[in-house]
Structures are given as C-alpha cells and as structure tokens.
Amino acid sequence: MNPECDFCQEEIKQIKKKYNVLENVSILLISITGKKQAANFYSDYQLSQFNDIKLLIDEDAKISFYFDIKTIPTIFIYNKSKKLLFSHRGEIKIDALVHYFTGE
C-alpha cells in the first residue's frame, strides 16, 4: 500500500463500501513508505474503525523482497491454514474479491 497510489486509494474506498461482505476477512495493508505517511493514510481513511484491517509499515522493504512484490497494489489471499489461495498484482475490482470470498 502506497498512500500516493491512486489504485491503492480506490481499493481502500471500495473495501470500505463492501466491508459488510468482507467482515470475516483479515486485511493486512503493508506499506514501505514512512511511518508518518502510512499512519496518515490509515487515519485519513478511518481504517481503525475496522477490526480486521491492520497496517504494517515495512520501511526496509523486507516483505516486498521476500514476496517479490514489484507492483502496487499486490494482493495475496491465504486461508486459515496459511495456504496461498490467490495472488494478484496491480489493480483489481473489489467485486472480484467479493466474488472470491462469497461466490456471488
């Protein structure tokens, strides 16, 4: 997640709109930007009101290196057994994610 990324901003807006469908899904936003910039994004979008949306600040880009993330946004979906079910690099419509979780 990059606070200056238009795709990231739009995806967060869409996630908030569909949160009632995604409320049983844990979302971890990972940002390699500075702490203040990432925290401001989290605050500006009022993400603290959602229990399952968390922010991880990775200023050293260790996670990006480990997961070979070269594009933002990048989405990884894991099940409760920590098995990777789906990954997507770049913009994705929220309806595609909702369909993935609900089949609708």
Protein backbone atom coordinates (compact mmCIF):
# COMPACT_ATOMS: atom_id res chain seq x y z
CA MET A 1 0.00 0.00 0.00
CA ASN A 2 1.33 3.37 -1.01
CA PRO A 3 -0.60 6.43 0.18
CA GLU A 4 0.15 8.18 -3.12
CA CYS A 5 -1.04 5.26 -5.27
CA ASP A 6 -4.39 6.04 -6.90
CA PHE A 7 -5.16 2.32 -7.24
CA CYS A 8 -4.46 1.75 -3.53
CA GLN A 9 -6.69 4.66 -2.57
CA GLU A 10 -9.51 3.40 -4.77
CA GLU A 11 -9.23 -0.16 -3.48
CA ILE A 12 -9.46 1.05 0.12
CA LYS A 13 -12.58 3.08 -0.73
CA GLN A 14 -14.14 0.02 -2.34
CA ILE A 15 -13.17 -2.28 0.54
CA LYS A 16 -14.83 0.11 2.96
CA LYS A 17 -18.01 0.11 0.85
CA LYS A 18 -18.11 -3.70 0.78
CA TYR A 19 -16.84 -4.26 4.30
CA ASN A 20 -20.10 -5.87 5.40
CA VAL A 21 -19.35 -8.70 2.95
CA LEU A 22 -15.66 -8.83 3.89
CA GLU A 23 -16.07 -8.51 7.64
CA ASN A 24 -14.81 -12.06 8.28
CA VAL A 25 -11.69 -11.40 6.21
CA SER A 26 -8.50 -10.08 7.80
CA ILE A 27 -6.77 -7.44 5.71
CA LEU A 28 -3.16 -6.52 6.26
CA LEU A 29 -2.00 -3.39 4.47
CA ILE A 30 1.76 -3.29 4.05
CA SER A 31 3.47 -0.02 3.28
CA ILE A 32 7.11 0.72 2.55
CA THR A 33 6.53 4.45 2.94
CA GLY A 34 7.50 6.32 6.06
CA LYS A 35 5.63 5.75 9.30
CA LYS A 36 4.01 9.17 9.34
CA GLN A 37 2.78 8.98 5.75
CA ALA A 38 1.37 5.47 6.17
CA ALA A 39 -0.22 6.34 9.53
CA ASN A 40 -1.82 9.44 7.99
CA PHE A 41 -3.29 7.29 5.20
CA TYR A 42 -4.68 4.84 7.78
CA SER A 43 -6.14 7.74 9.76
CA ASP A 44 -7.46 9.70 6.75
CA TYR A 45 -9.40 6.66 5.55
CA GLN A 46 -10.59 5.95 9.10
CA LEU A 47 -9.40 2.36 8.91
CA SER A 48 -9.09 1.97 12.66
CA GLN A 49 -12.87 1.58 12.83
CA PHE A 50 -12.49 -1.80 11.10
CA ASN A 51 -11.20 -4.51 13.44
CA ASP A 52 -9.78 -6.67 10.66
CA ILE A 53 -7.88 -4.03 8.69
CA LYS A 54 -4.36 -3.63 10.04
CA LEU A 55 -1.35 -1.66 8.87
CA LEU A 56 2.22 -2.92 8.79
CA ILE A 57 4.95 -0.45 7.98
CA ASP A 58 7.92 -2.11 6.28
CA GLU A 59 10.32 0.77 5.64
CA ASP A 60 13.17 -1.62 4.85
CA ALA A 61 11.03 -3.42 2.21
CA LYS A 62 11.88 -6.82 3.67
CA ILE A 63 8.40 -8.16 2.98
CA SER A 64 8.48 -6.79 -0.58
CA PHE A 65 11.77 -8.59 -1.12
CA TYR A 66 10.59 -11.86 0.47
CA PHE A 67 7.32 -11.95 -1.50
CA ASP A 68 8.88 -10.49 -4.68
CA ILE A 69 6.46 -7.55 -4.72
CA LYS A 70 7.32 -5.20 -7.55
CA THR A 71 3.87 -3.74 -8.25
CA ILE A 72 1.38 -1.93 -6.06
CA PRO A 73 -1.12 -2.83 -5.10
CA THR A 74 -0.40 -6.53 -4.77
CA ILE A 75 -2.90 -8.84 -3.10
CA PHE A 76 -2.27 -12.23 -1.53
CA ILE A 77 -5.13 -14.28 -0.12
CA TYR A 78 -4.38 -17.02 2.37
CA ASN A 79 -6.72 -19.41 4.13
CA LYS A 80 -6.69 -20.08 7.86
CA SER A 81 -4.13 -22.82 7.31
CA LYS A 82 -1.80 -20.19 5.81
CA LYS A 83 -2.05 -21.70 2.34
CA LEU A 84 -1.85 -19.21 -0.51
CA LEU A 85 -5.13 -19.32 -2.40
CA PHE A 86 -4.87 -16.35 -4.74
CA SER A 87 -2.48 -13.58 -5.70
CA HIS A 88 -2.90 -10.58 -7.93
CA ARG A 89 -0.53 -7.81 -8.94
CA GLY A 90 -1.96 -4.43 -9.87
CA GLU A 91 -5.45 -3.04 -9.73
CA ILE A 92 -8.36 -5.38 -9.12
CA LYS A 93 -12.02 -4.59 -8.83
CA ILE A 94 -13.43 -5.17 -5.37
CA ASP A 95 -16.29 -7.18 -6.86
CA ALA A 96 -13.74 -9.76 -7.99
CA LEU A 97 -12.52 -10.11 -4.40
CA VAL A 98 -16.04 -10.25 -3.04
CA HIS A 99 -16.84 -12.97 -5.56
CA TYR A 100 -13.74 -14.86 -4.48
CA PHE A 101 -14.90 -14.88 -0.85
CA THR A 102 -18.64 -15.25 -1.33
CA GLY A 103 -19.14 -16.85 -4.74
CA GLU A 104 -21.59 -14.04 -5.58
